[in-house]
Amino acid sequence: MTNKVCVVTGGTDGIGKAAAYALAAQGAKVLIHGRDTLKGQQAVAELKARSGNPAIEFLQADFGSLADVRRLAASVSERAPRLDVLINNAGGFFARRSLSQDGFELTWAVNHLAPFLLTHLLMDRLKGASQARIVTTASSTHQRARIRFDDLQTSRQYTAMGAYSQSKLANILFTRALSRRLQGTGITATCLHPGLVRTAIGRNIDSVVTRSLLALVSRFARSPEKGAQTLVYLATSAQVQGASGGYYFDCKATPPSPAAQDDEVAERLWDISAGMVGVS
């Protein structure tokens, strides 16, 4: 990965941080994104010390704001005339329904609309690389979901897991639709299930019972390093060079749910998402 430029959203902790370290250790220039500036600065200092690679920078943005996503894309473009790898990893899990700064349900905004827009805005930089890769962190929770076009904002019936699962299904459908649009460009798009990983994704949950349950489950979960293995594999391995549109688990292509393979739904979702974020 020497001389290659990588962006990792949600790169200040969890599997994003583990992936950023792996990429930096292989010689890449790594731009990590996060919401908390102090945490980001601390992550950069740690990653530089561990990897011995000084080419690591932090870029701040709140994915609950489309304006922040646009600002992030502009910051990336200023620092990178080309982009070899875009890792859409940032995500959230919210116990109570709330709205983003743009008025969208927050899970939908952070987990789906933000990476959708960011990918669109960085496409020219990705086309500047000879063989760029876009990798998106999805989840096996997509298997219990469907895209509820009659209530995308989950305004009638909200559950944290329902909203999260729908957003992860959207990640896979986005990857499939994006892959079709990238045919002939040299850019590939893949997505993955990282497994059950010990991360801070449940930090927004204030229920004592739920947090206790998550703490119990986390004892059996993977380390962030293990969870990042497939992410790094899809970003770097020659074995998947040219492979596009697939969903992976443990570095192997795995069929997602039937709902995640519905290209008609994927195209409808693409058009609606483009309208939501204001792109053609």
C-alpha atoms as a PDB file:
ATOM      1  CA  MET A   1       0.000   0.000   0.000  1.00  0.00           C
ATOM      2  CA  THR A   2       3.034   2.304  -0.222  1.00  0.00           C
ATOM      3  CA  ASN A   3       2.121   5.671  -1.787  1.00  0.00           C
ATOM      4  CA  LYS A   4      -1.579   4.789  -1.789  1.00  0.00           C
ATOM      5  CA  VAL A   5      -4.120   7.100  -0.159  1.00  0.00           C
ATOM      6  CA  CYS A   6      -6.913   5.680   2.017  1.00  0.00           C
ATOM      7  CA  VAL A   7      -9.858   7.299   3.796  1.00  0.00           C
ATOM      8  CA  VAL A   8     -11.378   5.478   6.767  1.00  0.00           C
ATOM      9  CA  THR A   9     -14.594   6.913   8.173  1.00  0.00           C
ATOM     10  CA  GLY A  10     -15.208   6.062  11.805  1.00  0.00           C
ATOM     11  CA  GLY A  11     -11.453   5.578  12.086  1.00  0.00           C
ATOM     12  CA  THR A  12     -10.893   6.747  15.648  1.00  0.00           C
ATOM     13  CA  ASP A  13     -11.966   3.543  17.414  1.00  0.00           C
ATOM     14  CA  GLY A  14     -13.209  -0.010  16.888  1.00  0.00           C
ATOM     15  CA  ILE A  15     -12.691  -1.774  13.597  1.00  0.00           C
ATOM     16  CA  GLY A  16     -12.142   1.511  11.781  1.00  0.00           C
ATOM     17  CA  LYS A  17      -9.135   2.306  13.926  1.00  0.00           C
ATOM     18  CA  ALA A  18      -7.842  -1.267  13.589  1.00  0.00           C
ATOM     19  CA  ALA A  19      -8.171  -1.031   9.799  1.00  0.00           C
ATOM     20  CA  ALA A  20      -6.445   2.360   9.758  1.00  0.00           C
ATOM     21  CA  TYR A  21      -3.508   0.871  11.661  1.00  0.00           C
ATOM     22  CA  ALA A  22      -3.245  -2.078   9.275  1.00  0.00           C
ATOM     23  CA  LEU A  23      -3.249   0.217   6.249  1.00  0.00           C
ATOM     24  CA  ALA A  24      -0.708   2.581   7.790  1.00  0.00           C
ATOM     25  CA  ALA A  25       1.528  -0.348   8.737  1.00  0.00           C
ATOM     26  CA  GLN A  26       1.520  -1.358   5.067  1.00  0.00           C
ATOM     27  CA  GLY A  27       2.755   2.100   4.055  1.00  0.00           C
ATOM     28  CA  ALA A  28      -0.451   3.881   3.017  1.00  0.00           C
ATOM     29  CA  LYS A  29      -1.243   7.511   3.651  1.00  0.00           C
ATOM     30  CA  VAL A  30      -4.353   7.300   5.851  1.00  0.00           C
ATOM     31  CA  LEU A  31      -6.965   9.978   6.481  1.00  0.00           C
ATOM     32  CA  ILE A  32      -9.164   8.981   9.400  1.00  0.00           C
ATOM     33  CA  HIS A  33     -12.518  10.571  10.058  1.00  0.00           C
ATOM     34  CA  GLY A  34     -14.344  10.955  13.341  1.00  0.00           C
ATOM     35  CA  ARG A  35     -16.799  13.210  15.125  1.00  0.00           C
ATOM     36  CA  ASP A  36     -14.697  14.014  18.217  1.00  0.00           C
ATOM     37  CA  THR A  37     -11.620  16.161  17.528  1.00  0.00           C
ATOM     38  CA  LEU A  38      -9.733  15.304  20.719  1.00  0.00           C
ATOM     39  CA  LYS A  39     -10.342  11.604  20.233  1.00  0.00           C
ATOM     40  CA  GLY A  40      -9.207  11.930  16.631  1.00  0.00           C
ATOM     41  CA  GLN A  41      -5.984  13.671  17.576  1.00  0.00           C
ATOM     42  CA  GLN A  42      -5.253  11.000  20.163  1.00  0.00           C
ATOM     43  CA  ALA A  43      -5.934   8.252  17.627  1.00  0.00           C
ATOM     44  CA  VAL A  44      -3.556   9.834  15.108  1.00  0.00           C
ATOM     45  CA  ALA A  45      -0.765  10.082  17.694  1.00  0.00           C
ATOM     46  CA  GLU A  46      -1.265   6.454  18.708  1.00  0.00           C
ATOM     47  CA  LEU A  47      -1.419   5.156  15.134  1.00  0.00           C
ATOM     48  CA  LYS A  48       1.701   7.055  14.115  1.00  0.00           C
ATOM     49  CA  ALA A  49       3.621   5.679  17.099  1.00  0.00           C
ATOM     50  CA  ARG A  50       2.455   2.092  16.563  1.00  0.00           C
ATOM     51  CA  SER A  51       2.841   1.953  12.787  1.00  0.00           C
ATOM     52  CA  GLY A  52       5.939   4.106  12.409  1.00  0.00           C
ATOM     53  CA  ASN A  53       4.097   5.869   9.582  1.00  0.00           C
ATOM     54  CA  PRO A  54       3.859   9.681   9.886  1.00  0.00           C
ATOM     55  CA  ALA A  55       1.386   9.993   6.979  1.00  0.00           C
ATOM     56  CA  ILE A  56      -1.787   9.824   9.088  1.00  0.00           C
ATOM     57  CA  GLU A  57      -4.230  12.714   9.477  1.00  0.00           C
ATOM     58  CA  PHE A  58      -7.527  13.289  11.239  1.00  0.00           C
ATOM     59  CA  LEU A  59     -10.535  14.960   9.621  1.00  0.00           C
ATOM     60  CA  GLN A  60     -13.534  15.942  11.743  1.00  0.00           C
ATOM     61  CA  ALA A  61     -17.143  15.661  10.590  1.00  0.00           C
ATOM     62  CA  ASP A  62     -20.518  14.854  12.117  1.00  0.00           C
ATOM     63  CA  PHE A  63     -22.354  12.398   9.862  1.00  0.00           C
ATOM     64  CA  GLY A  64     -25.613  13.701  11.255  1.00  0.00           C
ATOM     65  CA  SER A  65     -25.057  16.731   9.011  1.00  0.00           C
ATOM     66  CA  LEU A  66     -24.932  16.595   5.213  1.00  0.00           C
ATOM     67  CA  ALA A  67     -23.091  19.918   5.268  1.00  0.00           C
ATOM     68  CA  ASP A  68     -20.388  18.269   7.375  1.00  0.00           C
ATOM     69  CA  VAL A  69     -20.193  15.389   4.895  1.00  0.00           C
ATOM     70  CA  ARG A  70     -19.661  17.894   2.098  1.00  0.00           C
ATOM     71  CA  ARG A  71     -17.005  19.664   4.138  1.00  0.00           C
ATOM     72  CA  LEU A  72     -15.269  16.334   4.784  1.00  0.00           C
ATOM     73  CA  ALA A  73     -15.231  15.541   1.067  1.00  0.00           C
ATOM     74  CA  ALA A  74     -13.718  18.951   0.351  1.00  0.00           C
ATOM     75  CA  SER A  75     -11.026  18.389   2.993  1.00  0.00           C
ATOM     76  CA  VAL A  76     -10.157  14.988   1.511  1.00  0.00           C
ATOM     77  CA  SER A  77      -9.986  16.498  -1.974  1.00  0.00           C
ATOM     78  CA  GLU A  78      -7.614  19.216  -0.771  1.00  0.00           C
ATOM     79  CA  ARG A  79      -5.228  16.616   0.644  1.00  0.00           C
ATOM     80  CA  ALA A  80      -5.463  13.944  -2.031  1.00  0.00           C
ATOM     81  CA  PRO A  81      -5.370  14.491  -5.807  1.00  0.00           C
ATOM     82  CA  ARG A  82      -6.325  10.827  -6.046  1.00  0.00           C
ATOM     83  CA  LEU A  83      -7.928   8.344  -3.672  1.00  0.00           C
ATOM     84  CA  ASP A  84      -7.086   4.651  -3.814  1.00  0.00           C
ATOM     85  CA  VAL A  85      -9.357   3.333  -1.052  1.00  0.00           C
ATOM     86  CA  LEU A  86     -12.537   4.708   0.518  1.00  0.00           C
ATOM     87  CA  ILE A  87     -13.708   2.757   3.551  1.00  0.00           C
ATOM     88  CA  ASN A  88     -17.262   3.684   4.556  1.00  0.00           C
ATOM     89  CA  ASN A  89     -17.174   2.362   8.106  1.00  0.00           C
ATOM     90  CA  ALA A  90     -18.717   5.010  10.365  1.00  0.00           C
ATOM     91  CA  GLY A  91     -22.055   4.034  11.874  1.00  0.00           C
ATOM     92  CA  GLY A  92     -24.385   4.526  14.778  1.00  0.00           C
ATOM     93  CA  PHE A  93     -27.014   2.661  16.816  1.00  0.00           C
ATOM     94  CA  PHE A  94     -29.520   4.903  18.562  1.00  0.00           C
ATOM     95  CA  ALA A  95     -31.847   3.742  21.315  1.00  0.00           C
ATOM     96  CA  ARG A  96     -34.388   6.503  20.763  1.00  0.00           C
ATOM     97  CA  ARG A  97     -35.590   7.999  17.526  1.00  0.00           C
ATOM     98  CA  SER A  98     -34.056  11.372  16.795  1.00  0.00           C
ATOM     99  CA  LEU A  99     -33.464  13.514  13.750  1.00  0.00           C
ATOM    100  CA  SER A 100     -30.304  14.589  11.971  1.00  0.00           C
ATOM    101  CA  GLN A 101     -29.539  18.253  11.372  1.00  0.00           C
ATOM    102  CA  ASP A 102     -31.238  17.872   7.996  1.00  0.00           C
ATOM    103  CA  GLY A 103     -34.407  16.364   9.435  1.00  0.00           C
ATOM    104  CA  PHE A 104     -33.769  12.693   8.613  1.00  0.00           C
ATOM    105  CA  GLU A 105     -34.035   9.850  11.115  1.00  0.00           C
ATOM    106  CA  LEU A 106     -30.530   9.729  12.590  1.00  0.00           C
ATOM    107  CA  THR A 107     -29.706   6.059  11.972  1.00  0.00           C
ATOM    108  CA  TRP A 108     -30.690   6.434   8.325  1.00  0.00           C
ATOM    109  CA  ALA A 109     -28.716   9.668   8.002  1.00  0.00           C
ATOM    110  CA  VAL A 110     -25.494   8.428   9.610  1.00  0.00           C
ATOM    111  CA  ASN A 111     -25.401   4.843   8.348  1.00  0.00           C
ATOM    112  CA  HIS A 112     -26.743   5.285   4.826  1.00  0.00           C
ATOM    113  CA  LEU A 113     -27.136   8.840   3.554  1.00  0.00           C
ATOM    114  CA  ALA A 114     -23.736  10.051   4.762  1.00  0.00           C
ATOM    115  CA  PRO A 115     -21.682   7.327   3.009  1.00  0.00           C
ATOM    116  CA  PHE A 116     -23.940   7.579  -0.060  1.00  0.00           C
ATOM    117  CA  LEU A 117     -23.179  11.298  -0.367  1.00  0.00           C
ATOM    118  CA  LEU A 118     -19.501  11.024   0.572  1.00  0.00           C
ATOM    119  CA  THR A 119     -18.900   8.363  -2.070  1.00  0.00           C
ATOM    120  CA  HIS A 120     -20.603  10.522  -4.686  1.00  0.00           C
ATOM    121  CA  LEU A 121     -18.544  13.585  -3.762  1.00  0.00           C
ATOM    122  CA  LEU A 122     -15.228  11.687  -3.840  1.00  0.00           C
ATOM    123  CA  MET A 123     -15.867   9.890  -7.127  1.00  0.00           C
ATOM    124  CA  ASP A 124     -13.557  12.152  -9.142  1.00  0.00           C
ATOM    125  CA  ARG A 125     -10.715  11.455  -6.697  1.00  0.00           C
ATOM    126  CA  LEU A 126     -11.401   7.712  -6.898  1.00  0.00           C
ATOM    127  CA  LYS A 127     -11.355   7.882 -10.693  1.00  0.00           C
ATOM    128  CA  GLY A 128      -7.918   9.486 -10.404  1.00  0.00           C
ATOM    129  CA  ALA A 129      -6.497   6.189  -9.103  1.00  0.00           C
ATOM    130  CA  SER A 130      -5.811   3.340 -11.468  1.00  0.00           C
ATOM    131  CA  GLN A 131      -7.678   0.676  -9.490  1.00  0.00           C
ATOM    132  CA  ALA A 132      -9.596   2.265  -6.625  1.00  0.00           C
ATOM    133  CA  ARG A 133     -11.715   0.383  -4.109  1.00  0.00           C
ATOM    134  CA  ILE A 134     -14.798   1.365  -2.124  1.00  0.00           C
ATOM    135  CA  VAL A 135     -15.489  -0.830   0.910  1.00  0.00           C
ATOM    136  CA  THR A 136     -18.583  -0.422   3.089  1.00  0.00           C
ATOM    137  CA  THR A 137     -19.188  -1.969   6.496  1.00  0.00           C
ATOM    138  CA  ALA A 138     -22.607  -3.640   6.514  1.00  0.00           C
ATOM    139  CA  SER A 139     -23.879  -6.274   8.968  1.00  0.00           C
ATOM    140  CA  SER A 140     -25.594  -9.648   9.131  1.00  0.00           C
ATOM    141  CA  THR A 141     -28.454  -7.845  10.876  1.00  0.00           C
ATOM    142  CA  HIS A 142     -29.608  -6.903   7.367  1.00  0.00           C
ATOM    143  CA  GLN A 143     -31.107 -10.394   7.144  1.00  0.00           C
ATOM    144  CA  ARG A 144     -34.057  -9.414   9.326  1.00  0.00           C
ATOM    145  CA  ALA A 145     -34.823  -6.232   7.402  1.00  0.00           C
ATOM    146  CA  ARG A 146     -36.592  -4.900   4.368  1.00  0.00           C
ATOM    147  CA  ILE A 147     -36.579  -1.394   2.941  1.00  0.00           C
ATOM    148  CA  ARG A 148     -39.788   0.187   4.178  1.00  0.00           C
ATOM    149  CA  PHE A 149     -40.402   2.661   1.399  1.00  0.00           C
ATOM    150  CA  ASP A 150     -43.682   3.671   3.030  1.00  0.00           C
ATOM    151  CA  ASP A 151     -41.821   4.656   6.215  1.00  0.00           C
ATOM    152  CA  LEU A 152     -38.087   5.068   5.538  1.00  0.00           C
ATOM    153  CA  GLN A 153     -37.839   7.489   8.440  1.00  0.00           C
ATOM    154  CA  THR A 154     -39.402   4.942  10.856  1.00  0.00           C
ATOM    155  CA  SER A 155     -41.760   7.612  12.105  1.00  0.00           C
ATOM    156  CA  ARG A 156     -44.647   5.224  12.745  1.00  0.00           C
ATOM    157  CA  GLN A 157     -42.825   2.397  14.497  1.00  0.00           C
ATOM    158  CA  TYR A 158     -39.261   2.883  15.713  1.00  0.00           C
ATOM    159  CA  THR A 159     -36.986   0.302  17.262  1.00  0.00           C
ATOM    160  CA  ALA A 160     -33.234   0.744  17.458  1.00  0.00           C
ATOM    161  CA  MET A 161     -32.531  -2.656  15.918  1.00  0.00           C
ATOM    162  CA  GLY A 162     -35.162  -2.195  13.215  1.00  0.00           C
ATOM    163  CA  ALA A 163     -33.686   1.123  12.116  1.00  0.00           C
ATOM    164  CA  TYR A 164     -30.143  -0.235  12.287  1.00  0.00           C
ATOM    165  CA  SER A 165     -30.974  -3.391  10.324  1.00  0.00           C
ATOM    166  CA  GLN A 166     -32.713  -1.403   7.592  1.00  0.00           C
ATOM    167  CA  SER A 167     -29.681   0.881   7.270  1.00  0.00           C
ATOM    168  CA  LYS A 168     -27.341  -2.103   6.949  1.00  0.00           C
ATOM    169  CA  LEU A 169     -29.560  -3.592   4.244  1.00  0.00           C
ATOM    170  CA  ALA A 170     -29.339  -0.218   2.513  1.00  0.00           C
ATOM    171  CA  ASN A 171     -25.522  -0.455   2.649  1.00  0.00           C
ATOM    172  CA  ILE A 172     -25.598  -3.718   0.691  1.00  0.00           C
ATOM    173  CA  LEU A 173     -28.144  -2.487  -1.847  1.00  0.00           C
ATOM    174  CA  PHE A 174     -26.074   0.680  -2.288  1.00  0.00           C
ATOM    175  CA  THR A 175     -22.984  -1.432  -2.974  1.00  0.00           C
ATOM    176  CA  ARG A 176     -24.811  -3.479  -5.623  1.00  0.00           C
ATOM    177  CA  ALA A 177     -26.224  -0.421  -7.388  1.00  0.00           C
ATOM    178  CA  LEU A 178     -22.891   1.408  -7.161  1.00  0.00           C
ATOM    179  CA  SER A 179     -21.015  -1.562  -8.600  1.00  0.00           C
ATOM    180  CA  ARG A 180     -23.231  -1.549 -11.681  1.00  0.00           C
ATOM    181  CA  ARG A 181     -22.560   2.142 -12.202  1.00  0.00           C
ATOM    182  CA  LEU A 182     -18.797   1.631 -11.887  1.00  0.00           C
ATOM    183  CA  GLN A 183     -18.451  -1.034 -14.562  1.00  0.00           C
ATOM    184  CA  GLY A 184     -15.571  -0.174 -16.875  1.00  0.00           C
ATOM    185  CA  THR A 185     -14.076   2.470 -14.564  1.00  0.00           C
ATOM    186  CA  GLY A 186     -11.509   0.337 -12.740  1.00  0.00           C
ATOM    187  CA  ILE A 187     -13.217   1.143  -9.421  1.00  0.00           C
ATOM    188  CA  THR A 188     -14.759  -1.667  -7.387  1.00  0.00           C
ATOM    189  CA  ALA A 189     -17.360  -1.598  -4.611  1.00  0.00           C
ATOM    190  CA  THR A 190     -17.733  -4.306  -1.983  1.00  0.00           C
ATOM    191  CA  CYS A 191     -19.265  -4.614   1.479  1.00  0.00           C
ATOM    192  CA  LEU A 192     -18.875  -6.887   4.463  1.00  0.00           C
ATOM    193  CA  HIS A 193     -20.130  -8.257   7.750  1.00  0.00           C
ATOM    194  CA  PRO A 194     -17.328  -7.836  10.316  1.00  0.00           C
ATOM    195  CA  GLY A 195     -18.818 -10.309  12.781  1.00  0.00           C
ATOM    196  CA  LEU A 196     -19.890  -9.547  16.338  1.00  0.00           C
ATOM    197  CA  VAL A 197     -17.175  -7.129  17.450  1.00  0.00           C
ATOM    198  CA  ARG A 198     -16.412  -5.396  20.742  1.00  0.00           C
ATOM    199  CA  THR A 199     -16.976  -1.780  19.777  1.00  0.00           C
ATOM    200  CA  ALA A 200     -18.519   1.369  21.241  1.00  0.00           C
ATOM    201  CA  ILE A 201     -21.422   1.421  18.778  1.00  0.00           C
ATOM    202  CA  GLY A 202     -23.915   1.073  21.637  1.00  0.00           C
ATOM    203  CA  ARG A 203     -22.571   4.100  23.514  1.00  0.00           C
ATOM    204  CA  ASN A 204     -25.771   6.051  22.763  1.00  0.00           C
ATOM    205  CA  ILE A 205     -27.921   3.530  24.643  1.00  0.00           C
ATOM    206  CA  ASP A 206     -28.954   4.780  28.085  1.00  0.00           C
ATOM    207  CA  SER A 207     -30.958   1.717  29.153  1.00  0.00           C
ATOM    208  CA  VAL A 208     -29.182  -0.002  32.034  1.00  0.00           C
ATOM    209  CA  VAL A 209     -30.664  -3.379  31.072  1.00  0.00           C
ATOM    210  CA  THR A 210     -29.669  -3.087  27.409  1.00  0.00           C
ATOM    211  CA  ARG A 211     -26.182  -1.854  28.218  1.00  0.00           C
ATOM    212  CA  SER A 212     -25.723  -4.716  30.673  1.00  0.00           C
ATOM    213  CA  LEU A 213     -26.847  -7.196  28.021  1.00  0.00           C
ATOM    214  CA  LEU A 214     -24.424  -5.725  25.500  1.00  0.00           C
ATOM    215  CA  ALA A 215     -21.609  -5.943  28.039  1.00  0.00           C
ATOM    216  CA  LEU A 216     -22.406  -9.617  28.584  1.00  0.00           C
ATOM    217  CA  VAL A 217     -22.537 -10.360  24.841  1.00  0.00           C
ATOM    218  CA  SER A 218     -19.272  -8.480  24.263  1.00  0.00           C
ATOM    219  CA  ARG A 219     -17.418 -11.085  26.303  1.00  0.00           C
ATOM    220  CA  PHE A 220     -17.938 -13.479  23.409  1.00  0.00           C
ATOM    221  CA  ALA A 221     -17.333 -10.904  20.669  1.00  0.00           C
ATOM    222  CA  ARG A 222     -14.348 -10.525  18.386  1.00  0.00           C
ATOM    223  CA  SER A 223     -11.586  -8.034  18.927  1.00  0.00           C
ATOM    224  CA  PRO A 224     -11.631  -4.955  16.665  1.00  0.00           C
ATOM    225  CA  GLU A 225      -8.503  -6.332  14.973  1.00  0.00           C
ATOM    226  CA  LYS A 226     -10.292  -9.569  14.087  1.00  0.00           C
ATOM    227  CA  GLY A 227     -13.347  -7.646  12.964  1.00  0.00           C
ATOM    228  CA  ALA A 228     -11.208  -5.463  10.686  1.00  0.00           C
ATOM    229  CA  GLN A 229      -9.575  -8.364   8.851  1.00  0.00           C
ATOM    230  CA  THR A 230     -12.177  -8.605   6.088  1.00  0.00           C
ATOM    231  CA  LEU A 231     -12.235  -4.816   5.773  1.00  0.00           C
ATOM    232  CA  VAL A 232      -8.479  -4.730   5.204  1.00  0.00           C
ATOM    233  CA  TYR A 233      -8.637  -7.773   2.919  1.00  0.00           C
ATOM    234  CA  LEU A 234     -11.153  -6.057   0.628  1.00  0.00           C
ATOM    235  CA  ALA A 235      -9.107  -2.851   0.653  1.00  0.00           C
ATOM    236  CA  THR A 236      -5.736  -4.415  -0.121  1.00  0.00           C
ATOM    237  CA  SER A 237      -5.733  -8.022  -1.296  1.00  0.00           C
ATOM    238  CA  ALA A 238      -4.786  -8.945  -4.862  1.00  0.00           C
ATOM    239  CA  GLN A 239      -7.209 -11.868  -4.530  1.00  0.00           C
ATOM    240  CA  VAL A 240     -10.190  -9.526  -4.853  1.00  0.00           C
ATOM    241  CA  GLN A 241      -8.727  -7.181  -7.446  1.00  0.00           C
ATOM    242  CA  GLY A 242     -11.528  -6.473  -9.904  1.00  0.00           C
ATOM    243  CA  ALA A 243     -14.182  -8.144  -7.749  1.00  0.00           C
ATOM    244  CA  SER A 244     -17.170  -5.855  -7.325  1.00  0.00           C
ATOM    245  CA  GLY A 245     -20.684  -5.890  -5.902  1.00  0.00           C
ATOM    246  CA  GLY A 246     -20.114  -8.682  -3.390  1.00  0.00           C
ATOM    247  CA  TYR A 247     -20.863  -9.111   0.312  1.00  0.00           C
ATOM    248  CA  TYR A 248     -18.119 -10.767   2.376  1.00  0.00           C
ATOM    249  CA  PHE A 249     -17.662 -12.406   5.765  1.00  0.00           C
ATOM    250  CA  ASP A 250     -14.353 -13.768   7.064  1.00  0.00           C
ATOM    251  CA  CYS A 251     -12.673 -12.827   3.768  1.00  0.00           C
ATOM    252  CA  LYS A 252     -15.069 -14.952   1.714  1.00  0.00           C
ATOM    253  CA  ALA A 253     -17.886 -13.918  -0.604  1.00  0.00           C
ATOM    254  CA  THR A 254     -21.195 -14.798   1.072  1.00  0.00           C
ATOM    255  CA  PRO A 255     -24.732 -14.510  -0.328  1.00  0.00           C
ATOM    256  CA  PRO A 256     -26.696 -11.813   1.520  1.00  0.00           C
ATOM    257  CA  SER A 257     -30.429 -12.112   2.147  1.00  0.00           C
ATOM    258  CA  PRO A 258     -32.827 -12.288  -0.813  1.00  0.00           C
ATOM    259  CA  ALA A 259     -33.952  -8.744   0.011  1.00  0.00           C
ATOM    260  CA  ALA A 260     -30.341  -7.593  -0.364  1.00  0.00           C
ATOM    261  CA  GLN A 261     -30.182  -9.063  -3.865  1.00  0.00           C
ATOM    262  CA  ASP A 262     -33.242  -7.274  -5.235  1.00  0.00           C
ATOM    263  CA  ASP A 263     -31.860  -4.946  -7.903  1.00  0.00           C
ATOM    264  CA  GLU A 264     -35.219  -3.284  -8.506  1.00  0.00           C
ATOM    265  CA  VAL A 265     -35.321  -2.268  -4.841  1.00  0.00           C
ATOM    266  CA  ALA A 266     -31.672  -1.181  -5.054  1.00  0.00           C
ATOM    267  CA  GLU A 267     -32.413   1.150  -7.971  1.00  0.00           C
ATOM    268  CA  ARG A 268     -35.490   2.608  -6.296  1.00  0.00           C
ATOM    269  CA  LEU A 269     -33.483   3.175  -3.125  1.00  0.00           C
ATOM    270  CA  TRP A 270     -30.686   4.826  -5.111  1.00  0.00           C
ATOM    271  CA  ASP A 271     -33.056   7.342  -6.699  1.00  0.00           C
ATOM    272  CA  ILE A 272     -34.719   8.192  -3.376  1.00  0.00           C
ATOM    273  CA  SER A 273     -31.353   8.539  -1.603  1.00  0.00           C
ATOM    274  CA  ALA A 274     -30.016  10.816  -4.334  1.00  0.00           C
ATOM    275  CA  GLY A 275     -33.034  13.050  -3.873  1.00  0.00           C
ATOM    276  CA  MET A 276     -32.583  13.107  -0.100  1.00  0.00           C
ATOM    277  CA  VAL A 277     -28.950  14.258  -0.288  1.00  0.00           C
ATOM    278  CA  GLY A 278     -29.465  16.543  -3.278  1.00  0.00           C
ATOM    279  CA  VAL A 279     -27.386  14.932  -6.020  1.00  0.00           C
ATOM    280  CA  SER A 280     -28.358  13.929  -9.542  1.00  0.00           C
END
